């Protein structure tokens, strides 16, 4: 808003207005210098910092790495196990032996020592194809981990973007409140000058002072909200919460979104829906593993072992043996108290539940997209209306200022025009922010958030 200065020829008025202009320019210069020293945080920079530092994203990334690490044929049971063993036993006993001839051999504190050591291999070569189903299940769990990571990324980027444009909106409202304080200061200055020259009452001065104080209170509240939101933004990007910064000034809303395109994208890449589809595959593979228990299990074993024994009493005081051993075992379950049938029924019911959950998620997603898109269209229309309202309010304020300067309207009419303009600017800013929120929500449901 251009500062309108009274053209009253009174020298005292001109002098006070000149002083007011000097103070205002000084304040604006100081404010500009302070603003210039602040960091300008772009949305792209904020997202980059969040991807690097946000704790929830790091935790989700580690969980995804755990699922990737678990994807191994050894974890599926396809590889043999090899173990090195050693066993040592030592005994000290009072022993006696009676031979068939009647001779008795006795020895106190007789020592008996044995030592066994070697390497053994055990390998399950067939388990009813359970190991293959387990490997496929591990692959699906890896995909699930990646999907959950994507879901976390989308949620955090959505929250960050929402907070960022909330700050943009608040900056715009701060500018609107700054403008109204400039006008209120001018009004108070004019009222004081008119009171000095006898053209206004003290009541007009007091009303102007009260309105100025009200505007200053509103500005302080807005500054408090703005500062707290900046702390929240610093928390999201995981840096020092006292870091000061500014954000960009404009909110650009993507007005080209189409419901049909969003629905197609959501069905393909919405993280929650994709996670449910993967969970269904995991449940199906779990049923395969349960059914594998109906088949025999065949295991191979081999090893190389050495054993040594020493005895103080007996026919042989020392023995040694070493060599290979090998063999196999097979087991076929015949009856387990109907546990197999029960486990298969439970696994099948879990599959049915997962399919029902997919249908439920699709319906919920379709409903969310429809309602969010309708809100999006409404907000786009509100932007157009509020832009017109702001232009009209601005024009009305300019006319009102001219009339107030020459004293043809009351201070109440002037204040009404002033508040109408400020409120129009705030509503316009809020309409843009709400439309941006609708855009972000739609893109998050579709599984794709860009930084436009």
Protein backbone atom coordinates (compact mmCIF):
# COMPACT_ATOMS: atom_id res chain seq x y z
CA UNK A 1 0.00 0.00 0.00
CA UNK A 2 1.24 3.42 -0.85
CA UNK A 3 1.48 5.68 2.13
CA UNK A 4 -0.96 8.55 1.63
CA UNK A 5 0.22 11.70 3.27
CA UNK A 6 -2.05 14.53 4.10
CA UNK A 7 -1.51 17.64 2.01
CA UNK A 8 -2.63 19.90 4.80
CA UNK A 9 -0.73 23.11 4.38
CA UNK A 10 -0.26 23.47 8.08
CA UNK A 11 3.49 23.52 8.68
CA UNK A 12 3.23 21.54 11.89
CA UNK A 13 1.32 18.77 10.06
CA UNK A 14 3.87 18.70 7.23
CA UNK A 15 6.74 18.55 9.70
CA UNK A 16 5.23 15.69 11.70
CA UNK A 17 4.42 13.74 8.53
CA UNK A 18 7.99 14.20 7.30
CA UNK A 19 9.27 12.83 10.60
CA UNK A 20 6.84 9.92 10.32
CA UNK A 21 8.08 9.13 6.79
CA UNK A 22 11.68 9.19 7.99
CA UNK A 23 10.90 6.79 10.87
CA UNK A 24 8.95 4.50 8.57
CA UNK A 25 11.74 4.38 5.96
CA UNK A 26 14.27 3.69 8.70
CA UNK A 27 12.19 0.83 10.08
CA UNK A 28 11.68 -0.62 6.62
CA UNK A 29 15.42 -0.41 5.94
CA UNK A 30 16.25 -2.16 9.20
CA UNK A 31 13.64 -4.81 8.49
CA UNK A 32 15.08 -5.30 5.01
CA UNK A 33 18.60 -5.66 6.39
CA UNK A 34 17.44 -8.25 8.93
CA UNK A 35 15.48 -10.17 6.26
CA UNK A 36 18.45 -10.24 3.95
CA UNK A 37 20.55 -11.93 6.61
CA UNK A 38 18.05 -14.77 6.99
CA UNK A 39 18.38 -18.02 5.09
CA UNK A 40 15.91 -18.47 2.23
CA UNK A 41 14.79 -22.08 2.57
CA UNK A 42 13.37 -23.47 -0.66
CA UNK A 43 11.04 -26.45 -0.68
CA UNK A 44 13.61 -28.51 -2.58
CA UNK A 45 16.27 -27.76 0.04
CA UNK A 46 13.89 -28.64 2.85
CA UNK A 47 13.03 -32.00 1.25
CA UNK A 48 16.71 -32.75 0.70
CA UNK A 49 17.48 -32.05 4.35
CA UNK A 50 14.56 -34.20 5.48
CA UNK A 51 15.67 -37.12 3.31
CA UNK A 52 19.14 -36.87 4.81
CA UNK A 53 18.30 -36.18 8.45
CA UNK A 54 14.71 -37.08 9.38
CA UNK A 55 14.73 -39.80 12.03
CA UNK A 56 11.55 -41.55 10.92
CA UNK A 57 12.90 -41.81 7.37
CA UNK A 58 16.18 -43.22 8.68
CA UNK A 59 14.34 -45.82 10.78
CA UNK A 60 12.14 -46.83 7.84
CA UNK A 61 15.23 -47.08 5.64
CA UNK A 62 16.93 -49.36 8.16
CA UNK A 63 13.81 -51.53 8.35
CA UNK A 64 13.87 -51.86 4.57
CA UNK A 65 17.53 -52.85 4.73
CA UNK A 66 16.65 -55.52 7.30
CA UNK A 67 14.13 -57.03 4.88
CA UNK A 68 16.73 -56.91 2.09
CA UNK A 69 19.34 -58.56 4.30
CA UNK A 70 16.89 -61.32 5.22
CA UNK A 71 16.48 -62.20 1.54
CA UNK A 72 18.99 -65.07 1.33
CA UNK A 73 18.77 -68.74 0.32
CA UNK A 74 20.35 -69.67 3.63
CA UNK A 75 17.55 -67.93 5.49
CA UNK A 76 15.07 -69.93 3.42
CA UNK A 77 16.69 -73.20 4.59
CA UNK A 78 18.29 -74.20 1.27
CA UNK A 79 21.87 -74.44 2.49
CA UNK A 80 23.46 -77.04 4.78
CA UNK A 81 24.65 -76.31 8.27
CA UNK A 82 28.23 -77.15 9.27
CA UNK A 83 29.34 -77.30 12.88
CA UNK A 84 32.63 -78.06 14.56
CA UNK A 85 32.20 -79.79 17.91
CA UNK A 86 34.47 -80.85 20.71
CA UNK A 87 33.53 -82.70 23.88
CA UNK A 88 35.84 -83.57 26.77
CA UNK A 89 34.84 -85.64 29.82
CA UNK A 90 37.11 -86.38 32.80
CA UNK A 91 36.27 -88.56 35.79
CA UNK A 92 38.09 -89.62 38.94
CA UNK A 93 36.46 -92.60 40.67
CA UNK A 94 37.14 -95.43 43.09
CA UNK A 95 36.62 -98.45 40.80
CA UNK A 96 36.58 -102.22 41.23
CA UNK A 97 36.13 -105.00 38.66
CA UNK A 98 35.33 -108.69 39.37
CA UNK A 99 36.42 -110.98 36.59
CA UNK A 100 34.80 -114.33 35.71
CA UNK A 101 37.77 -116.04 37.26
CA UNK A 102 36.90 -114.47 40.56
CA UNK A 103 39.83 -112.09 40.54
CA UNK A 104 38.98 -108.63 41.82
CA UNK A 105 40.78 -105.55 40.48
CA UNK A 106 40.34 -102.39 42.48
CA UNK A 107 41.83 -98.92 42.18
CA UNK A 108 41.15 -95.77 44.13
CA UNK A 109 41.12 -92.43 42.31
CA UNK A 110 41.04 -94.13 38.94
CA UNK A 111 41.05 -91.67 36.05
CA UNK A 112 38.77 -91.99 33.00
CA UNK A 113 39.18 -89.37 30.27
CA UNK A 114 37.45 -89.08 26.89
CA UNK A 115 37.85 -86.54 24.09
CA UNK A 116 35.66 -86.29 20.98
CA UNK A 117 35.98 -83.66 18.28
CA UNK A 118 35.16 -83.26 14.61
CA UNK A 119 33.17 -81.46 11.90
CA UNK A 120 29.60 -82.42 10.97
CA UNK A 121 27.34 -81.37 8.10
CA UNK A 122 23.54 -81.58 8.11
CA UNK A 123 21.47 -80.76 5.04
CA UNK A 124 17.73 -80.85 4.50
CA UNK A 125 17.46 -81.77 0.83
CA UNK A 126 13.67 -82.04 0.67
CA UNK A 127 10.97 -80.55 2.91
CA UNK A 128 7.93 -80.61 0.67
CA UNK A 129 9.08 -77.49 -1.25
CA UNK A 130 8.71 -75.38 1.90
CA UNK A 131 12.12 -73.78 1.37
CA UNK A 132 11.15 -72.49 -2.07
CA UNK A 133 7.93 -70.99 -0.75
CA UNK A 134 9.93 -69.43 2.08
CA UNK A 135 12.37 -67.85 -0.41
CA UNK A 136 9.47 -66.38 -2.41
CA UNK A 137 7.99 -65.09 0.82
CA UNK A 138 11.26 -63.36 1.71
CA UNK A 139 11.19 -61.66 -1.71
CA UNK A 140 7.70 -60.37 -1.03
CA UNK A 141 8.73 -59.18 2.43
CA UNK A 142 11.56 -57.24 0.82
CA UNK A 143 9.03 -55.56 -1.50
CA UNK A 144 6.86 -54.85 1.54
CA UNK A 145 9.79 -53.18 3.28
CA UNK A 146 10.42 -50.99 0.23
CA UNK A 147 6.72 -50.10 0.05
CA UNK A 148 6.64 -49.17 3.73
CA UNK A 149 9.70 -47.00 3.21
CA UNK A 150 7.94 -45.27 0.31
CA UNK A 151 4.87 -44.78 2.48
CA UNK A 152 7.00 -43.14 5.17
CA UNK A 153 8.70 -40.93 2.59
CA UNK A 154 5.38 -39.82 1.12
CA UNK A 155 3.94 -39.10 4.56
CA UNK A 156 6.96 -37.07 5.71
CA UNK A 157 7.27 -35.17 2.42
CA UNK A 158 3.55 -34.45 2.56
CA UNK A 159 3.85 -33.18 6.15
CA UNK A 160 6.92 -31.13 5.23
CA UNK A 161 5.23 -29.62 2.16
CA UNK A 162 2.13 -28.79 4.18
CA UNK A 163 4.22 -27.09 6.87
CA UNK A 164 6.25 -25.24 4.25
CA UNK A 165 3.23 -23.73 2.53
CA UNK A 166 1.69 -23.00 5.91
CA UNK A 167 4.76 -20.84 6.54
CA UNK A 168 4.30 -19.19 3.13
CA UNK A 169 0.69 -18.39 4.04
CA UNK A 170 1.73 -17.03 7.43
CA UNK A 171 4.36 -14.81 5.81
CA UNK A 172 1.68 -13.40 3.53
CA UNK A 173 -0.56 -12.72 6.51
CA UNK A 174 2.30 -11.04 8.34
CA UNK A 175 2.71 -8.71 5.36
CA UNK A 176 -1.03 -7.98 5.41
CA UNK A 177 -0.89 -7.17 9.13
CA UNK A 178 2.21 -5.02 8.59
CA UNK A 179 0.26 -3.09 5.95
CA UNK A 180 -2.69 -2.49 8.24
CA UNK A 181 -0.38 -1.28 11.02
CA UNK A 182 1.15 1.22 8.57
CA UNK A 183 -2.35 2.44 7.77
CA UNK A 184 -3.32 2.52 11.44
CA UNK A 185 -0.20 4.53 12.27
CA UNK A 186 -1.04 6.96 9.51
CA UNK A 187 -4.60 7.22 10.76
CA UNK A 188 -3.39 7.93 14.31
CA UNK A 189 -0.95 10.55 13.02
CA UNK A 190 -3.68 12.24 11.02
CA UNK A 191 -6.07 12.14 13.97
CA UNK A 192 -3.49 13.74 16.27
CA UNK A 193 -2.72 16.48 13.75
CA UNK A 194 -6.42 17.18 13.22
CA UNK A 195 -6.90 17.32 16.98
CA UNK A 196 -4.04 19.81 17.31
CA UNK A 197 -5.53 22.16 14.73
CA UNK A 198 -9.03 21.74 16.21
CA UNK A 199 -10.64 19.73 13.41
CA UNK A 200 -11.16 16.52 15.43
CA UNK A 201 -12.04 15.49 18.95
CA UNK A 202 -9.92 13.61 21.44
CA UNK A 203 -12.28 10.65 20.97
CA UNK A 204 -11.07 10.22 17.38
CA UNK A 205 -7.46 10.05 18.59
CA UNK A 206 -8.32 7.51 21.26
CA UNK A 207 -10.24 5.31 18.80
CA UNK A 208 -7.31 5.38 16.41
CA UNK A 209 -4.94 4.42 19.22
CA UNK A 210 -7.16 1.51 20.31
CA UNK A 211 -7.39 0.19 16.76
CA UNK A 212 -3.62 0.47 16.36
CA UNK A 213 -3.09 -1.49 19.57
CA UNK A 214 -5.55 -4.14 18.36
CA UNK A 215 -3.61 -4.49 15.11
CA UNK A 216 -0.34 -4.79 16.99
CA UNK A 217 -1.77 -7.56 19.18
CA UNK A 218 -2.89 -9.44 16.06
CA UNK A 219 0.58 -9.01 14.58
CA UNK A 220 2.24 -10.36 17.73
CA UNK A 221 -0.04 -13.40 17.73
CA UNK A 222 0.75 -14.04 14.08
CA UNK A 223 4.47 -13.72 14.75
CA UNK A 224 4.19 -16.23 17.58
CA UNK A 225 2.41 -18.74 15.33
CA UNK A 226 4.97 -18.14 12.58
CA UNK A 227 7.89 -18.73 14.98
CA UNK A 228 6.34 -21.94 16.33
CA UNK A 229 5.71 -23.26 12.82
CA UNK A 230 9.35 -22.60 11.93
CA UNK A 231 10.36 -24.67 14.95
CA UNK A 232 8.13 -27.48 13.65
CA UNK A 233 9.76 -27.23 10.22
CA UNK A 234 13.24 -27.45 11.75
CA UNK A 235 12.09 -30.51 13.69
CA UNK A 236 10.84 -32.21 10.51
CA UNK A 237 14.12 -31.65 8.69
CA UNK A 238 15.98 -32.67 11.88
CA UNK A 239 18.19 -29.65 12.46
CA UNK A 240 18.66 -27.15 15.26
CA UNK A 241 15.18 -25.87 16.11
CA UNK A 242 16.58 -22.36 16.72
CA UNK A 243 17.76 -22.04 13.10
CA UNK A 244 16.13 -18.95 11.58
CA UNK A 245 15.04 -18.84 7.97
CA UNK A 246 12.46 -17.51 5.55
CA UNK A 247 10.45 -19.34 2.92
CA UNK A 248 9.39 -18.36 -0.57
CA UNK A 249 6.61 -15.81 -0.97
CA UNK A 250 4.19 -17.45 -3.39
CA UNK A 251 1.94 -20.50 -3.38
CA UNK A 252 1.61 -22.14 -6.79
CA UNK A 253 -1.37 -24.48 -7.03
CA UNK A 254 -1.48 -27.17 -9.70
CA UNK A 255 -4.92 -26.65 -11.24
CA UNK A 256 -4.57 -29.42 -13.85
CA UNK A 257 -5.28 -32.51 -11.72
CA UNK A 258 -7.83 -34.96 -13.14
CA UNK A 259 -9.70 -37.51 -11.04
CA UNK A 260 -9.47 -40.33 -13.60
CA UNK A 261 -5.69 -39.99 -13.89
CA UNK A 262 -5.30 -39.85 -10.12
CA UNK A 263 -7.43 -43.00 -9.73
CA UNK A 264 -5.25 -44.93 -12.19
CA UNK A 265 -2.08 -43.83 -10.42
CA UNK A 266 -3.51 -44.64 -6.99
CA UNK A 267 -4.46 -48.18 -8.01
CA UNK A 268 -0.91 -48.79 -9.22
CA UNK A 269 1.24 -47.07 -6.63
CA UNK A 270 -0.69 -46.04 -3.53
CA UNK A 271 1.62 -47.43 -0.80
CA UNK A 272 -1.15 -48.65 1.49
CA UNK A 273 -2.92 -50.51 -1.32
CA UNK A 274 0.35 -51.96 -2.64
CA UNK A 275 1.25 -53.10 0.89
CA UNK A 276 -2.08 -54.93 1.20
CA UNK A 277 -1.54 -56.68 -2.14
CA UNK A 278 1.92 -57.80 -1.03
CA UNK A 279 0.49 -58.97 2.31
CA UNK A 280 -1.97 -61.14 0.37
CA UNK A 281 0.91 -62.77 -1.53
CA UNK A 282 2.76 -63.36 1.75
CA UNK A 283 -0.34 -65.07 3.16
CA UNK A 284 -0.64 -67.31 0.08
CA UNK A 285 3.01 -68.34 0.40
CA UNK A 286 2.45 -69.04 4.09
CA UNK A 287 -0.27 -71.51 3.11
CA UNK A 288 2.19 -73.26 0.79
CA UNK A 289 4.61 -73.65 3.66
CA UNK A 290 1.90 -75.10 5.87
CA UNK A 291 0.86 -77.60 3.17
CA UNK A 292 4.51 -78.66 2.78
CA UNK A 293 4.26 -80.36 6.17
CA UNK A 294 2.25 -83.14 4.50
CA UNK A 295 5.34 -84.28 2.60
CA UNK A 296 8.29 -86.27 3.95
CA UNK A 297 11.43 -84.52 5.13
CA UNK A 298 14.75 -85.94 3.91
CA UNK A 299 18.02 -84.96 5.54
CA UNK A 300 21.62 -85.89 4.74
CA UNK A 301 24.41 -85.88 7.29
CA UNK A 302 28.14 -86.47 7.16
CA UNK A 303 31.19 -85.58 9.16
CA UNK A 304 34.70 -86.39 10.26
CA UNK A 305 35.23 -87.19 13.96
CA UNK A 306 38.05 -88.24 16.25
CA UNK A 307 37.70 -89.79 19.70
CA UNK A 308 40.23 -90.66 22.38
CA UNK A 309 39.67 -92.42 25.71
CA UNK A 310 41.99 -93.22 28.59
CA UNK A 311 41.19 -95.43 31.60
CA UNK A 312 43.35 -96.35 34.60
CA UNK A 313 41.49 -99.59 35.13
CA UNK A 314 40.18 -102.10 32.59
CA UNK A 315 41.21 -104.29 29.74
CA UNK A 316 42.18 -101.33 27.53
CA UNK A 317 43.90 -98.36 29.05
CA UNK A 318 43.65 -96.21 25.88
CA UNK A 319 41.60 -96.27 22.68
CA UNK A 320 41.60 -94.00 19.63
CA UNK A 321 39.15 -93.79 16.71
CA UNK A 322 38.83 -91.44 13.74
CA UNK A 323 37.12 -91.34 10.37
CA UNK A 324 34.13 -90.28 8.31
CA UNK A 325 30.47 -90.90 9.00
CA UNK A 326 27.55 -90.36 6.66
CA UNK A 327 23.91 -91.21 6.38
CA UNK A 328 20.42 -89.91 5.77
CA UNK A 329 17.10 -89.70 7.56
CA UNK A 330 13.54 -89.43 6.33
CA UNK A 331 10.35 -88.69 8.26
CA UNK A 332 6.76 -88.65 7.12
CA UNK A 333 4.07 -87.31 9.47
CA UNK A 334 1.16 -89.75 9.76
CA UNK A 335 -1.02 -88.25 12.48
CA UNK A 336 -0.65 -85.08 14.51
CA UNK A 337 -4.04 -84.75 16.18
CA UNK A 338 -5.54 -82.97 13.12
CA UNK A 339 -3.16 -80.02 13.64
CA UNK A 340 -2.28 -80.00 9.93
CA UNK A 341 -5.90 -79.55 8.83
CA UNK A 342 -6.42 -76.86 11.43
CA UNK A 343 -3.29 -74.95 10.38
CA UNK A 344 -4.30 -75.09 6.70
CA UNK A 345 -7.78 -73.75 7.46
CA UNK A 346 -6.31 -70.88 9.50
CA UNK A 347 -3.86 -70.02 6.71
CA UNK A 348 -6.70 -70.03 4.16
CA UNK A 349 -8.81 -67.75 6.35
CA UNK A 350 -5.86 -65.35 6.59
CA UNK A 351 -5.73 -65.27 2.79
CA UNK A 352 -9.45 -64.53 2.67
CA UNK A 353 -8.99 -61.72 5.18
CA UNK A 354 -6.15 -60.22 3.17
CA UNK A 355 -8.30 -60.21 0.03
CA UNK A 356 -11.15 -58.56 1.90
CA UNK A 357 -8.69 -55.96 3.20
CA UNK A 358 -7.58 -55.22 -0.37
CA UNK A 359 -11.20 -54.64 -1.44
CA UNK A 360 -11.78 -52.49 1.63
CA UNK A 361 -8.66 -50.45 0.93
CA UNK A 362 -9.66 -49.94 -2.71
CA UNK A 363 -13.11 -48.70 -1.70
CA UNK A 364 -11.65 -46.39 0.96
CA UNK A 365 -9.10 -45.06 -1.51
CA UNK A 366 -11.77 -44.42 -4.12
CA UNK A 367 -13.88 -42.58 -1.55
CA UNK A 368 -10.95 -40.48 -0.32
CA UNK A 369 -9.99 -39.53 -3.85
CA UNK A 370 -13.55 -38.50 -4.72
CA UNK A 371 -14.06 -36.36 -1.61
CA UNK A 372 -10.57 -34.83 -1.77
CA UNK A 373 -11.02 -34.01 -5.45
CA UNK A 374 -14.33 -32.27 -4.77
CA UNK A 375 -12.65 -30.22 -2.04
CA UNK A 376 -9.84 -29.46 -4.49
CA UNK A 377 -12.29 -28.12 -7.11
CA UNK A 378 -14.10 -26.03 -4.49
CA UNK A 379 -10.82 -24.53 -3.29
CA UNK A 380 -9.80 -23.63 -6.84
CA UNK A 381 -13.08 -21.75 -7.24
CA UNK A 382 -12.55 -20.04 -3.89
CA UNK A 383 -9.14 -18.80 -5.07
CA UNK A 384 -10.78 -17.05 -8.03
CA UNK A 385 -13.45 -15.49 -5.83
CA UNK A 386 -11.05 -14.35 -3.12
CA UNK A 387 -8.69 -12.79 -5.67
CA UNK A 388 -11.61 -10.71 -6.93
CA UNK A 389 -12.63 -9.83 -3.38
CA UNK A 390 -9.12 -8.67 -2.54
CA UNK A 391 -8.98 -6.45 -5.64
CA UNK A 392 -12.35 -4.91 -4.79
CA UNK A 393 -11.38 -4.40 -1.13
CA UNK A 394 -8.12 -2.76 -2.18
CA UNK A 395 -9.95 -0.36 -4.48
CA UNK A 396 -12.50 0.40 -1.77
CA UNK A 397 -9.74 1.11 0.74
CA UNK A 398 -8.02 3.52 -1.63
CA UNK A 399 -11.25 5.48 -2.12
CA UNK A 400 -11.95 5.42 1.61
CA UNK A 401 -8.46 6.75 2.37
CA UNK A 402 -8.98 9.66 0.03
CA UNK A 403 -12.31 10.49 1.64
CA UNK A 404 -10.89 10.09 5.14
CA UNK A 405 -8.08 12.48 4.26
CA UNK A 406 -10.52 15.23 3.41
CA UNK A 407 -12.79 14.35 6.33
CA UNK A 408 -15.93 13.29 4.41
CA UNK A 409 -16.30 9.89 6.17
CA UNK A 410 -16.20 8.78 9.77
CA UNK A 411 -13.40 6.88 11.43
CA UNK A 412 -15.73 3.87 11.75
CA UNK A 413 -16.20 3.71 7.98
CA UNK A 414 -12.46 4.04 7.51
CA UNK A 415 -11.79 1.21 9.99
CA UNK A 416 -14.37 -1.01 8.29
CA UNK A 417 -12.73 -0.53 4.90
CA UNK A 418 -9.33 -1.17 6.43
CA UNK A 419 -10.42 -4.43 8.09
CA UNK A 420 -12.25 -5.54 4.96
CA UNK A 421 -9.07 -5.22 2.95
CA UNK A 422 -6.93 -7.06 5.51
CA UNK A 423 -9.50 -9.82 5.86
CA UNK A 424 -9.74 -10.15 2.09
CA UNK A 425 -5.98 -10.56 1.82
CA UNK A 426 -6.00 -13.15 4.62
CA UNK A 427 -8.89 -15.07 3.05
CA UNK A 428 -7.18 -15.05 -0.32
CA UNK A 429 -3.98 -16.37 1.21
CA UNK A 430 -5.91 -19.00 3.14
CA UNK A 431 -7.81 -20.07 0.00
CA UNK A 432 -4.53 -20.62 -1.82
CA UNK A 433 -3.17 -22.60 1.13
CA UNK A 434 -6.28 -24.77 1.37
CA UNK A 435 -6.13 -25.48 -2.36
CA UNK A 436 -2.48 -26.46 -2.00
CA UNK A 437 -3.40 -28.80 0.86
CA UNK A 438 -6.00 -30.43 -1.38
CA UNK A 439 -3.42 -30.85 -4.13
CA UNK A 440 -0.91 -32.39 -1.71
CA UNK A 441 -3.54 -34.79 -0.32
CA UNK A 442 -4.56 -35.94 -3.81
CA UNK A 443 -0.98 -36.53 -4.89
CA UNK A 444 -0.22 -38.41 -1.69
CA UNK A 445 -3.23 -40.69 -2.29
CA UNK A 446 -1.97 -41.25 -5.83
CA UNK A 447 1.42 -42.21 -4.42
CA UNK A 448 3.29 -39.37 -6.09
CA UNK A 449 4.24 -35.99 -4.64
CA UNK A 450 6.26 -33.58 -6.74
CA UNK A 451 7.72 -30.32 -5.48
CA UNK A 452 5.82 -27.91 -7.72
